Amino acid sequence: MKTYIGRHQVLTDTDALELALGTPLDLWIGEDNESDEERAARLDAARDILADTPDLYDRALHTAAAAVLDDRIRHMDGIDEARRITTAHAARAAILRLPSETAVAA
């Protein structure tokens, strides 16, 4: 299933966050091995964006909370699926261990 935000296709979690925020994540996080000048320029740009977009902080918090919740739900779904598989395998194994006359009666 394809996911779109506006006209942009979301291929990764990073795409979803960047499209939701309207800025690249590297602007806020930085990049490995950036120089002091690059860091200063990045932080200046971030301050300008925050000044021009006062609701960005709230959108960022909402987006982060939604991402954590979505990840937690996916994780719980995975645990539930693992439990179902484990329970099904345990039941199958128990039936296979039954003496043949008991298994036929069941």
PDB file of N, CA and C in Angstrom:
ATOM      1  N   MET A   1       0.843  -1.170   0.000  1.00  0.00           N
ATOM      2  CA  MET A   1       0.000   0.000   0.000  1.00  0.00           C
ATOM      3  C   MET A   1       0.893   1.240   0.000  1.00  0.00           C
ATOM      4  N   LYS A   2       0.582   2.202  -0.831  1.00  0.00           N
ATOM      5  CA  LYS A   2       1.353   3.430  -0.919  1.00  0.00           C
ATOM      6  C   LYS A   2       0.728   4.496  -0.021  1.00  0.00           C
ATOM      7  N   THR A   3       1.591   5.292   0.591  1.00  0.00           N
ATOM      8  CA  THR A   3       1.140   6.366   1.460  1.00  0.00           C
ATOM      9  C   THR A   3       1.603   7.696   0.883  1.00  0.00           C
ATOM     10  N   TYR A   4       0.709   8.664   0.888  1.00  0.00           N
ATOM     11  CA  TYR A   4       1.029   9.992   0.374  1.00  0.00           C
ATOM     12  C   TYR A   4       0.671  11.037   1.413  1.00  0.00           C
ATOM     13  N   ILE A   5       1.495  12.074   1.474  1.00  0.00           N
ATOM     14  CA  ILE A   5       1.166  13.290   2.217  1.00  0.00           C
ATOM     15  C   ILE A   5       1.173  14.390   1.170  1.00  0.00           C
ATOM     16  N   GLY A   6       0.003  14.910   0.898  1.00  0.00           N
ATOM     17  CA  GLY A   6      -0.114  15.831  -0.228  1.00  0.00           C
ATOM     18  C   GLY A   6       0.156  15.062  -1.511  1.00  0.00           C
ATOM     19  N   ARG A   7       1.057  15.592  -2.336  1.00  0.00           N
ATOM     20  CA  ARG A   7       1.416  14.899  -3.566  1.00  0.00           C
ATOM     21  C   ARG A   7       2.682  14.065  -3.403  1.00  0.00           C
ATOM     22  N   HIS A   8       3.233  14.033  -2.202  1.00  0.00           N
ATOM     23  CA  HIS A   8       4.515  13.374  -1.968  1.00  0.00           C
ATOM     24  C   HIS A   8       4.310  11.961  -1.428  1.00  0.00           C
ATOM     25  N   GLN A   9       4.962  11.007  -2.064  1.00  0.00           N
ATOM     26  CA  GLN A   9       4.876   9.626  -1.595  1.00  0.00           C
ATOM     27  C   GLN A   9       5.821   9.433  -0.408  1.00  0.00           C
ATOM     28  N   VAL A  10       5.319   8.779   0.615  1.00  0.00           N
ATOM     29  CA  VAL A  10       6.103   8.487   1.809  1.00  0.00           C
ATOM     30  C   VAL A  10       6.707   7.103   1.642  1.00  0.00           C
ATOM     31  N   LEU A  11       8.034   7.052   1.591  1.00  0.00           N
ATOM     32  CA  LEU A  11       8.722   5.775   1.426  1.00  0.00           C
ATOM     33  C   LEU A  11       9.344   5.282   2.722  1.00  0.00           C
ATOM     34  N   THR A  12       9.677   6.210   3.620  1.00  0.00           N
ATOM     35  CA  THR A  12      10.329   5.845   4.883  1.00  0.00           C
ATOM     36  C   THR A  12       9.706   6.626   6.029  1.00  0.00           C
ATOM     37  N   ASP A  13      10.036   6.233   7.241  1.00  0.00           N
ATOM     38  CA  ASP A  13       9.589   6.989   8.414  1.00  0.00           C
ATOM     39  C   ASP A  13      10.154   8.407   8.384  1.00  0.00           C
ATOM     40  N   THR A  14      11.386   8.540   7.906  1.00  0.00           N
ATOM     41  CA  THR A  14      12.000   9.863   7.804  1.00  0.00           C
ATOM     42  C   THR A  14      11.214  10.742   6.837  1.00  0.00           C
ATOM     43  N   ASP A  15      10.789  10.174   5.712  1.00  0.00           N
ATOM     44  CA  ASP A  15       9.951  10.931   4.771  1.00  0.00           C
ATOM     45  C   ASP A  15       8.693  11.440   5.469  1.00  0.00           C
ATOM     46  N   ALA A  16       8.060  10.579   6.232  1.00  0.00           N
ATOM     47  CA  ALA A  16       6.821  10.968   6.917  1.00  0.00           C
ATOM     48  C   ALA A  16       7.070  12.110   7.889  1.00  0.00           C
ATOM     49  N   LEU A  17       8.139  12.016   8.658  1.00  0.00           N
ATOM     50  CA  LEU A  17       8.438  13.081   9.614  1.00  0.00           C
ATOM     51  C   LEU A  17       8.779  14.391   8.908  1.00  0.00           C
ATOM     52  N   GLU A  18       9.611  14.305   7.875  1.00  0.00           N
ATOM     53  CA  GLU A  18       9.994  15.525   7.151  1.00  0.00           C
ATOM     54  C   GLU A  18       8.791  16.179   6.480  1.00  0.00           C
ATOM     55  N   LEU A  19       7.915  15.381   5.911  1.00  0.00           N
ATOM     56  CA  LEU A  19       6.732  15.950   5.268  1.00  0.00           C
ATOM     57  C   LEU A  19       5.762  16.522   6.300  1.00  0.00           C
ATOM     58  N   ALA A  20       5.647  15.870   7.447  1.00  0.00           N
ATOM     59  CA  ALA A  20       4.760  16.381   8.490  1.00  0.00           C
ATOM     60  C   ALA A  20       5.286  17.699   9.059  1.00  0.00           C
ATOM     61  N   LEU A  21       6.602  17.789   9.216  1.00  0.00           N
ATOM     62  CA  LEU A  21       7.190  19.008   9.774  1.00  0.00           C
ATOM     63  C   LEU A  21       7.395  20.102   8.730  1.00  0.00           C
ATOM     64  N   GLY A  22       7.597  19.676   7.494  1.00  0.00           N
ATOM     65  CA  GLY A  22       7.865  20.643   6.437  1.00  0.00           C
ATOM     66  C   GLY A  22       9.318  21.064   6.360  1.00  0.00           C
ATOM     67  N   THR A  23      10.189  20.376   7.088  1.00  0.00           N
ATOM     68  CA  THR A  23      11.629  20.673   7.062  1.00  0.00           C
ATOM     69  C   THR A  23      12.402  19.354   7.109  1.00  0.00           C
ATOM     70  N   PRO A  24      13.628  19.359   6.612  1.00  0.00           N
ATOM     71  CA  PRO A  24      14.441  18.149   6.726  1.00  0.00           C
ATOM     72  C   PRO A  24      14.879  17.922   8.171  1.00  0.00           C
ATOM     73  N   LEU A  25      14.962  16.673   8.583  1.00  0.00           N
ATOM     74  CA  LEU A  25      15.359  16.369   9.958  1.00  0.00           C
ATOM     75  C   LEU A  25      16.781  16.824  10.255  1.00  0.00           C
ATOM     76  N   ASP A  26      17.646  16.787   9.253  1.00  0.00           N
ATOM     77  CA  ASP A  26      19.037  17.197   9.462  1.00  0.00           C
ATOM     78  C   ASP A  26      19.140  18.642   9.939  1.00  0.00           C
ATOM     79  N   LEU A  27      18.148  19.469   9.611  1.00  0.00           N
ATOM     80  CA  LEU A  27      18.159  20.848  10.065  1.00  0.00           C
ATOM     81  C   LEU A  27      18.127  20.905  11.590  1.00  0.00           C
ATOM     82  N   TRP A  28      17.401  20.005  12.212  1.00  0.00           N
ATOM     83  CA  TRP A  28      17.236  20.013  13.666  1.00  0.00           C
ATOM     84  C   TRP A  28      18.259  19.138  14.377  1.00  0.00           C
ATOM     85  N   ILE A  29      18.655  18.068  13.723  1.00  0.00           N
ATOM     86  CA  ILE A  29      19.548  17.095  14.352  1.00  0.00           C
ATOM     87  C   ILE A  29      21.014  17.386  14.038  1.00  0.00           C
ATOM     88  N   GLY A  30      21.270  17.900  12.858  1.00  0.00           N
ATOM     89  CA  GLY A  30      22.642  18.120  12.431  1.00  0.00           C
ATOM     90  C   GLY A  30      23.158  16.904  11.691  1.00  0.00           C
ATOM     91  N   GLU A  31      24.360  17.032  11.198  1.00  0.00           N
ATOM     92  CA  GLU A  31      24.982  15.943  10.469  1.00  0.00           C
ATOM     93  C   GLU A  31      26.314  15.608  11.109  1.00  0.00           C
ATOM     94  N   ASP A  32      26.765  14.391  10.924  1.00  0.00           N
ATOM     95  CA  ASP A  32      28.068  13.992  11.431  1.00  0.00           C
ATOM     96  C   ASP A  32      29.147  14.850  10.791  1.00  0.00           C
ATOM     97  N   ASN A  33      30.122  15.188  11.566  1.00  0.00           N
ATOM     98  CA  ASN A  33      31.305  15.922  11.092  1.00  0.00           C
ATOM     99  C   ASN A  33      31.002  17.304  10.530  1.00  0.00           C
ATOM    100  N   GLU A  34      29.920  17.948  10.978  1.00  0.00           N
ATOM    101  CA  GLU A  34      29.682  19.302  10.494  1.00  0.00           C
ATOM    102  C   GLU A  34      30.638  20.254  11.209  1.00  0.00           C
ATOM    103  N   SER A  35      31.088  21.262  10.492  1.00  0.00           N
ATOM    104  CA  SER A  35      32.021  22.241  11.071  1.00  0.00           C
ATOM    105  C   SER A  35      31.255  23.189  11.992  1.00  0.00           C
ATOM    106  N   ASP A  36      31.997  23.971  12.755  1.00  0.00           N
ATOM    107  CA  ASP A  36      31.364  24.960  13.636  1.00  0.00           C
ATOM    108  C   ASP A  36      30.575  25.982  12.822  1.00  0.00           C
ATOM    109  N   GLU A  37      31.107  26.364  11.665  1.00  0.00           N
ATOM    110  CA  GLU A  37      30.414  27.325  10.799  1.00  0.00           C
ATOM    111  C   GLU A  37      29.125  26.730  10.241  1.00  0.00           C
ATOM    112  N   GLU A  38      29.180  25.455   9.825  1.00  0.00           N
ATOM    113  CA  GLU A  38      27.977  24.788   9.304  1.00  0.00           C
ATOM    114  C   GLU A  38      26.917  24.659  10.399  1.00  0.00           C
ATOM    115  N   ARG A  39      27.379  24.318  11.600  1.00  0.00           N
ATOM    116  CA  ARG A  39      26.446  24.185  12.730  1.00  0.00           C
ATOM    117  C   ARG A  39      25.787  25.528  13.034  1.00  0.00           C
ATOM    118  N   ALA A  40      26.577  26.592  13.058  1.00  0.00           N
ATOM    119  CA  ALA A  40      26.029  27.925  13.332  1.00  0.00           C
ATOM    120  C   ALA A  40      25.010  28.320  12.266  1.00  0.00           C
ATOM    121  N   ALA A  41      25.321  28.049  10.999  1.00  0.00           N
ATOM    122  CA  ALA A  41      24.398  28.389   9.906  1.00  0.00           C
ATOM    123  C   ALA A  41      23.113  27.566  10.026  1.00  0.00           C
ATOM    124  N   ARG A  42      23.262  26.290  10.360  1.00  0.00           N
ATOM    125  CA  ARG A  42      22.084  25.416  10.504  1.00  0.00           C
ATOM    126  C   ARG A  42      21.193  25.914  11.637  1.00  0.00           C
ATOM    127  N   LEU A  43      21.802  26.256  12.770  1.00  0.00           N
ATOM    128  CA  LEU A  43      21.017  26.738  13.911  1.00  0.00           C
ATOM    129  C   LEU A  43      20.371  28.094  13.621  1.00  0.00           C
ATOM    130  N   ASP A  44      21.059  28.945  12.882  1.00  0.00           N
ATOM    131  CA  ASP A  44      20.446  30.225  12.468  1.00  0.00           C
ATOM    132  C   ASP A  44      19.219  29.977  11.601  1.00  0.00           C
ATOM    133  N   ALA A  45      19.353  29.064  10.650  1.00  0.00           N
ATOM    134  CA  ALA A  45      18.218  28.739   9.780  1.00  0.00           C
ATOM    135  C   ALA A  45      17.067  28.158  10.605  1.00  0.00           C
ATOM    136  N   ALA A  46      17.382  27.309  11.552  1.00  0.00           N
ATOM    137  CA  ALA A  46      16.341  26.719  12.401  1.00  0.00           C
ATOM    138  C   ALA A  46      15.627  27.792  13.218  1.00  0.00           C
ATOM    139  N   ARG A  47      16.396  28.736  13.766  1.00  0.00           N
ATOM    140  CA  ARG A  47      15.775  29.832  14.527  1.00  0.00           C
ATOM    141  C   ARG A  47      14.858  30.663  13.637  1.00  0.00           C
ATOM    142  N   ASP A  48      15.299  30.940  12.415  1.00  0.00           N
ATOM    143  CA  ASP A  48      14.461  31.700  11.482  1.00  0.00           C
ATOM    144  C   ASP A  48      13.162  30.954  11.180  1.00  0.00           C
ATOM    145  N   ILE A  49      13.265  29.648  10.961  1.00  0.00           N
ATOM    146  CA  ILE A  49      12.069  28.848  10.665  1.00  0.00           C
ATOM    147  C   ILE A  49      11.122  28.855  11.859  1.00  0.00           C
ATOM    148  N   LEU A  50      11.660  28.690  13.063  1.00  0.00           N
ATOM    149  CA  LEU A  50      10.808  28.722  14.257  1.00  0.00           C
ATOM    150  C   LEU A  50      10.141  30.085  14.432  1.00  0.00           C
ATOM    151  N   ALA A  51      10.858  31.156  14.125  1.00  0.00           N
ATOM    152  CA  ALA A  51      10.282  32.498  14.241  1.00  0.00           C
ATOM    153  C   ALA A  51       9.157  32.705  13.223  1.00  0.00           C
ATOM    154  N   ASP A  52       9.344  32.147  12.017  1.00  0.00           N
ATOM    155  CA  ASP A  52       8.339  32.300  10.955  1.00  0.00           C
ATOM    156  C   ASP A  52       7.179  31.325  11.086  1.00  0.00           C
ATOM    157  N   THR A  53       7.374  30.248  11.835  1.00  0.00           N
ATOM    158  CA  THR A  53       6.362  29.195  11.943  1.00  0.00           C
ATOM    159  C   THR A  53       6.140  28.864  13.420  1.00  0.00           C
ATOM    160  N   PRO A  54       5.401  29.696  14.150  1.00  0.00           N
ATOM    161  CA  PRO A  54       5.259  29.500  15.588  1.00  0.00           C
ATOM    162  C   PRO A  54       4.593  28.173  15.996  1.00  0.00           C
ATOM    163  N   ASP A  55       3.800  27.593  15.106  1.00  0.00           N
ATOM    164  CA  ASP A  55       3.127  26.342  15.467  1.00  0.00           C
ATOM    165  C   ASP A  55       3.989  25.110  15.179  1.00  0.00           C
ATOM    166  N   LEU A  56       5.196  25.313  14.646  1.00  0.00           N
ATOM    167  CA  LEU A  56       6.049  24.181  14.282  1.00  0.00           C
ATOM    168  C   LEU A  56       6.418  23.335  15.500  1.00  0.00           C
ATOM    169  N   TYR A  57       6.696  23.986  16.625  1.00  0.00           N
ATOM    170  CA  TYR A  57       7.054  23.244  17.833  1.00  0.00           C
ATOM    171  C   TYR A  57       5.922  22.296  18.236  1.00  0.00           C
ATOM    172  N   ASP A  58       4.697  22.791  18.247  1.00  0.00           N
ATOM    173  CA  ASP A  58       3.550  21.939  18.594  1.00  0.00           C
ATOM    174  C   ASP A  58       3.365  20.814  17.571  1.00  0.00           C
ATOM    175  N   ARG A  59       3.528  21.133  16.282  1.00  0.00           N
ATOM    176  CA  ARG A  59       3.427  20.100  15.243  1.00  0.00           C
ATOM    177  C   ARG A  59       4.497  19.044  15.423  1.00  0.00           C
ATOM    178  N   ALA A  60       5.710  19.485  15.786  1.00  0.00           N
ATOM    179  CA  ALA A  60       6.818  18.543  15.979  1.00  0.00           C
ATOM    180  C   ALA A  60       6.526  17.615  17.152  1.00  0.00           C
ATOM    181  N   LEU A  61       6.039  18.168  18.253  1.00  0.00           N
ATOM    182  CA  LEU A  61       5.697  17.328  19.405  1.00  0.00           C
ATOM    183  C   LEU A  61       4.586  16.348  19.062  1.00  0.00           C
ATOM    184  N   HIS A  62       3.569  16.825  18.371  1.00  0.00           N
ATOM    185  CA  HIS A  62       2.462  15.962  17.972  1.00  0.00           C
ATOM    186  C   HIS A  62       2.959  14.846  17.062  1.00  0.00           C
ATOM    187  N   THR A  63       3.811  15.197  16.096  1.00  0.00           N
ATOM    188  CA  THR A  63       4.347  14.210  15.157  1.00  0.00           C
ATOM    189  C   THR A  63       5.192  13.175  15.879  1.00  0.00           C
ATOM    190  N   ALA A  64       6.042  13.633  16.793  1.00  0.00           N
ATOM    191  CA  ALA A  64       6.898  12.703  17.546  1.00  0.00           C
ATOM    192  C   ALA A  64       6.056  11.775  18.414  1.00  0.00           C
ATOM    193  N   ALA A  65       5.055  12.331  19.095  1.00  0.00           N
ATOM    194  CA  ALA A  65       4.195  11.503  19.943  1.00  0.00           C
ATOM    195  C   ALA A  65       3.423  10.487  19.110  1.00  0.00           C
ATOM    196  N   ALA A  66       2.922  10.905  17.957  1.00  0.00           N
ATOM    197  CA  ALA A  66       2.195   9.984  17.078  1.00  0.00           C
ATOM    198  C   ALA A  66       3.117   8.878  16.573  1.00  0.00           C
ATOM    199  N   ALA A  67       4.363   9.228  16.254  1.00  0.00           N
ATOM    200  CA  ALA A  67       5.322   8.219  15.773  1.00  0.00           C
ATOM    201  C   ALA A  67       5.630   7.204  16.865  1.00  0.00           C
ATOM    202  N   VAL A  68       5.811   7.682  18.091  1.00  0.00           N
ATOM    203  CA  VAL A  68       6.079   6.768  19.210  1.00  0.00           C
ATOM    204  C   VAL A  68       4.874   5.871  19.449  1.00  0.00           C
ATOM    205  N   LEU A  69       3.680   6.443  19.442  1.00  0.00           N
ATOM    206  CA  LEU A  69       2.464   5.659  19.649  1.00  0.00           C
ATOM    207  C   LEU A  69       2.294   4.627  18.545  1.00  0.00           C
ATOM    208  N   ASP A  70       2.501   5.029  17.296  1.00  0.00           N
ATOM    209  CA  ASP A  70       2.380   4.109  16.172  1.00  0.00           C
ATOM    210  C   ASP A  70       3.386   2.972  16.296  1.00  0.00           C
ATOM    211  N   ASP A  71       4.619   3.307  16.683  1.00  0.00           N
ATOM    212  CA  ASP A  71       5.648   2.278  16.847  1.00  0.00           C
ATOM    213  C   ASP A  71       5.278   1.334  17.977  1.00  0.00           C
ATOM    214  N   ARG A  72       4.741   1.878  19.060  1.00  0.00           N
ATOM    215  CA  ARG A  72       4.333   1.042  20.199  1.00  0.00           C
ATOM    216  C   ARG A  72       3.192   0.117  19.793  1.00  0.00           C
ATOM    217  N   ILE A  73       2.246   0.629  19.012  1.00  0.00           N
ATOM    218  CA  ILE A  73       1.128  -0.207  18.554  1.00  0.00           C
ATOM    219  C   ILE A  73       1.640  -1.310  17.645  1.00  0.00           C
ATOM    220  N   ARG A  74       2.555  -0.951  16.707  1.00  0.00           N
ATOM    221  CA  ARG A  74       3.126  -1.987  15.833  1.00  0.00           C
ATOM    222  C   ARG A  74       3.876  -3.025  16.639  1.00  0.00           C
ATOM    223  N   HIS A  75       4.606  -2.577  17.664  1.00  0.00           N
ATOM    224  CA  HIS A  75       5.356  -3.499  18.508  1.00  0.00           C
ATOM    225  C   HIS A  75       4.399  -4.433  19.251  1.00  0.00           C
ATOM    226  N   MET A  76       3.314  -3.867  19.792  1.00  0.00           N
ATOM    227  CA  MET A  76       2.331  -4.690  20.519  1.00  0.00           C
ATOM    228  C   MET A  76       1.644  -5.661  19.574  1.00  0.00           C
ATOM    229  N   ASP A  77       1.341  -5.224  18.356  1.00  0.00           N
ATOM    230  CA  ASP A  77       0.749  -6.137  17.377  1.00  0.00           C
ATOM    231  C   ASP A  77       1.702  -7.286  17.090  1.00  0.00           C
ATOM    232  N   GLY A  78       2.986  -6.982  17.002  1.00  0.00           N
ATOM    233  CA  GLY A  78       3.984  -8.023  16.775  1.00  0.00           C
ATOM    234  C   GLY A  78       4.055  -9.003  17.932  1.00  0.00           C
ATOM    235  N   ILE A  79       3.949  -8.496  19.167  1.00  0.00           N
ATOM    236  CA  ILE A  79       3.958  -9.370  20.339  1.00  0.00           C
ATOM    237  C   ILE A  79       2.712 -10.249  20.338  1.00  0.00           C
ATOM    238  N   ASP A  80       1.543  -9.649  20.044  1.00  0.00           N
ATOM    239  CA  ASP A  80       0.304 -10.432  19.998  1.00  0.00           C
ATOM    240  C   ASP A  80       0.398 -11.532  18.946  1.00  0.00           C
ATOM    241  N   GLU A  81       0.953 -11.196  17.766  1.00  0.00           N
ATOM    242  CA  GLU A  81       1.091 -12.190  16.705  1.00  0.00           C
ATOM    243  C   GLU A  81       2.036 -13.306  17.149  1.00  0.00           C
ATOM    244  N   ALA A  82       3.133 -12.938  17.803  1.00  0.00           N
ATOM    245  CA  ALA A  82       4.083 -13.949  18.290  1.00  0.00           C
ATOM    246  C   ALA A  82       3.410 -14.854  19.318  1.00  0.00           C
ATOM    247  N   ARG A  83       2.573 -14.278  20.185  1.00  0.00           N
ATOM    248  CA  ARG A  83       1.852 -15.093  21.174  1.00  0.00           C
ATOM    249  C   ARG A  83       0.895 -16.058  20.493  1.00  0.00           C
ATOM    250  N   ARG A  84       0.175 -15.555  19.472  1.00  0.00           N
ATOM    251  CA  ARG A  84      -0.756 -16.432  18.758  1.00  0.00           C
ATOM    252  C   ARG A  84      -0.013 -17.580  18.090  1.00  0.00           C
ATOM    253  N   ILE A  85       1.114 -17.256  17.458  1.00  0.00           N
ATOM    254  CA  ILE A  85       1.897 -18.300  16.790  1.00  0.00           C
ATOM    255  C   ILE A  85       2.433 -19.285  17.808  1.00  0.00           C
ATOM    256  N   THR A  86       2.967 -18.778  18.920  1.00  0.00           N
ATOM    257  CA  THR A  86       3.512 -19.651  19.960  1.00  0.00           C
ATOM    258  C   THR A  86       2.429 -20.543  20.544  1.00  0.00           C
ATOM    259  N   THR A  87       1.257 -19.979  20.806  1.00  0.00           N
ATOM    260  CA  THR A  87       0.147 -20.754  21.357  1.00  0.00           C
ATOM    261  C   THR A  87      -0.300 -21.824  20.367  1.00  0.00           C
ATOM    262  N   ALA A  88      -0.391 -21.464  19.102  1.00  0.00           N
ATOM    263  CA  ALA A  88      -0.806 -22.431  18.078  1.00  0.00           C
ATOM    264  C   ALA A  88       0.219 -23.551  17.960  1.00  0.00           C
ATOM    265  N   HIS A  89       1.511 -23.196  17.978  1.00  0.00           N
ATOM    266  CA  HIS A  89       2.549 -24.227  17.891  1.00  0.00           C
ATOM    267  C   HIS A  89       2.530 -25.128  19.121  1.00  0.00           C
ATOM    268  N   ALA A  90       2.326 -24.537  20.306  1.00  0.00           N
ATOM    269  CA  ALA A  90       2.278 -25.334  21.534  1.00  0.00           C
ATOM    270  C   ALA A  90       1.089 -26.287  21.506  1.00  0.00           C
ATOM    271  N   ALA A  91      -0.071 -25.816  21.032  1.00  0.00           N
ATOM    272  CA  ALA A  91      -1.250 -26.682  20.958  1.00  0.00           C
ATOM    273  C   ALA A  91      -1.017 -27.825  19.972  1.00  0.00           C
ATOM    274  N   ARG A  92      -0.444 -27.494  18.823  1.00  0.00           N
ATOM    275  CA  ARG A  92      -0.143 -28.520  17.826  1.00  0.00           C
ATOM    276  C   ARG A  92       0.835 -29.556  18.386  1.00  0.00           C
ATOM    277  N   ALA A  93       1.868 -29.079  19.067  1.00  0.00           N
ATOM    278  CA  ALA A  93       2.866 -29.986  19.638  1.00  0.00           C
ATOM    279  C   ALA A  93       2.246 -30.874  20.708  1.00  0.00           C
ATOM    280  N   ALA A  94       1.337 -30.324  21.518  1.00  0.00           N
ATOM    281  CA  ALA A  94       0.684 -31.112  22.553  1.00  0.00           C
ATOM    282  C   ALA A  94      -0.186 -32.202  21.936  1.00  0.00           C
ATOM    283  N   ILE A  95      -0.884 -31.882  20.871  1.00  0.00           N
ATOM    284  CA  ILE A  95      -1.724 -32.879  20.192  1.00  0.00           C
ATOM    285  C   ILE A  95      -0.856 -33.979  19.607  1.00  0.00           C
ATOM    286  N   LEU A  96       0.265 -33.605  19.045  1.00  0.00           N
ATOM    287  CA  LEU A  96       1.159 -34.604  18.441  1.00  0.00           C
ATOM    288  C   LEU A  96       1.773 -35.513  19.500  1.00  0.00           C
ATOM    289  N   ARG A  97       1.897 -35.046  20.742  1.00  0.00           N
ATOM    290  CA  ARG A  97       2.485 -35.860  21.815  1.00  0.00           C
ATOM    291  C   ARG A  97       1.469 -36.798  22.455  1.00  0.00           C
ATOM    292  N   LEU A  98       0.176 -36.580  22.198  1.00  0.00           N
ATOM    293  CA  LEU A  98      -0.861 -37.425  22.793  1.00  0.00           C
ATOM    294  C   LEU A  98      -0.746 -38.849  22.248  1.00  0.00           C
ATOM    295  N   PRO A  99      -1.092 -39.828  23.086  1.00  0.00           N
ATOM    296  CA  PRO A  99      -1.157 -41.202  22.558  1.00  0.00           C
ATOM    297  C   PRO A  99      -2.180 -41.252  21.429  1.00  0.00           C
ATOM    298  N   SER A 100      -1.992 -42.121  20.476  1.00  0.00           N
ATOM    299  CA  SER A 100      -2.826 -42.139  19.271  1.00  0.00           C
ATOM    300  C   SER A 100      -4.300 -42.327  19.576  1.00  0.00           C
ATOM    301  N   GLU A 101      -4.675 -43.177  20.563  1.00  0.00           N
ATOM    302  CA  GLU A 101      -6.105 -43.360  20.842  1.00  0.00           C
ATOM    303  C   GLU A 101      -6.741 -42.118  21.439  1.00  0.00           C
ATOM    304  N   THR A 102      -5.993 -41.342  22.221  1.00  0.00           N
ATOM    305  CA  THR A 102      -6.521 -40.110  22.783  1.00  0.00           C
ATOM    306  C   THR A 102      -6.675 -39.058  21.689  1.00  0.00           C
ATOM    307  N   ALA A 103      -5.711 -38.978  20.787  1.00  0.00           N
ATOM    308  CA  ALA A 103      -5.773 -37.999  19.692  1.00  0.00           C
ATOM    309  C   ALA A 103      -6.955 -38.266  18.793  1.00  0.00           C
ATOM    310  N   VAL A 104      -7.291 -39.558  18.553  1.00  0.00           N
ATOM    311  CA  VAL A 104      -8.437 -39.884  17.702  1.00  0.00           C
ATOM    312  C   VAL A 104      -9.709 -39.502  18.398  1.00  0.00           C
ATOM    313  N   ALA A 105      -9.789 -39.728  19.739  1.00  0.00           N
ATOM    314  CA  ALA A 105     -10.998 -39.386  20.487  1.00  0.00           C
ATOM    315  C   ALA A 105     -11.237 -37.890  20.496  1.00  0.00           C
ATOM    316  N   ALA A 106     -10.184 -37.120  20.478  1.00  0.00           N
ATOM    317  CA  ALA A 106     -10.326 -35.667  20.512  1.00  0.00           C
ATOM    318  C   ALA A 106     -10.814 -35.242  19.178  1.00  0.00           C
TER     319      ALA A 106
END
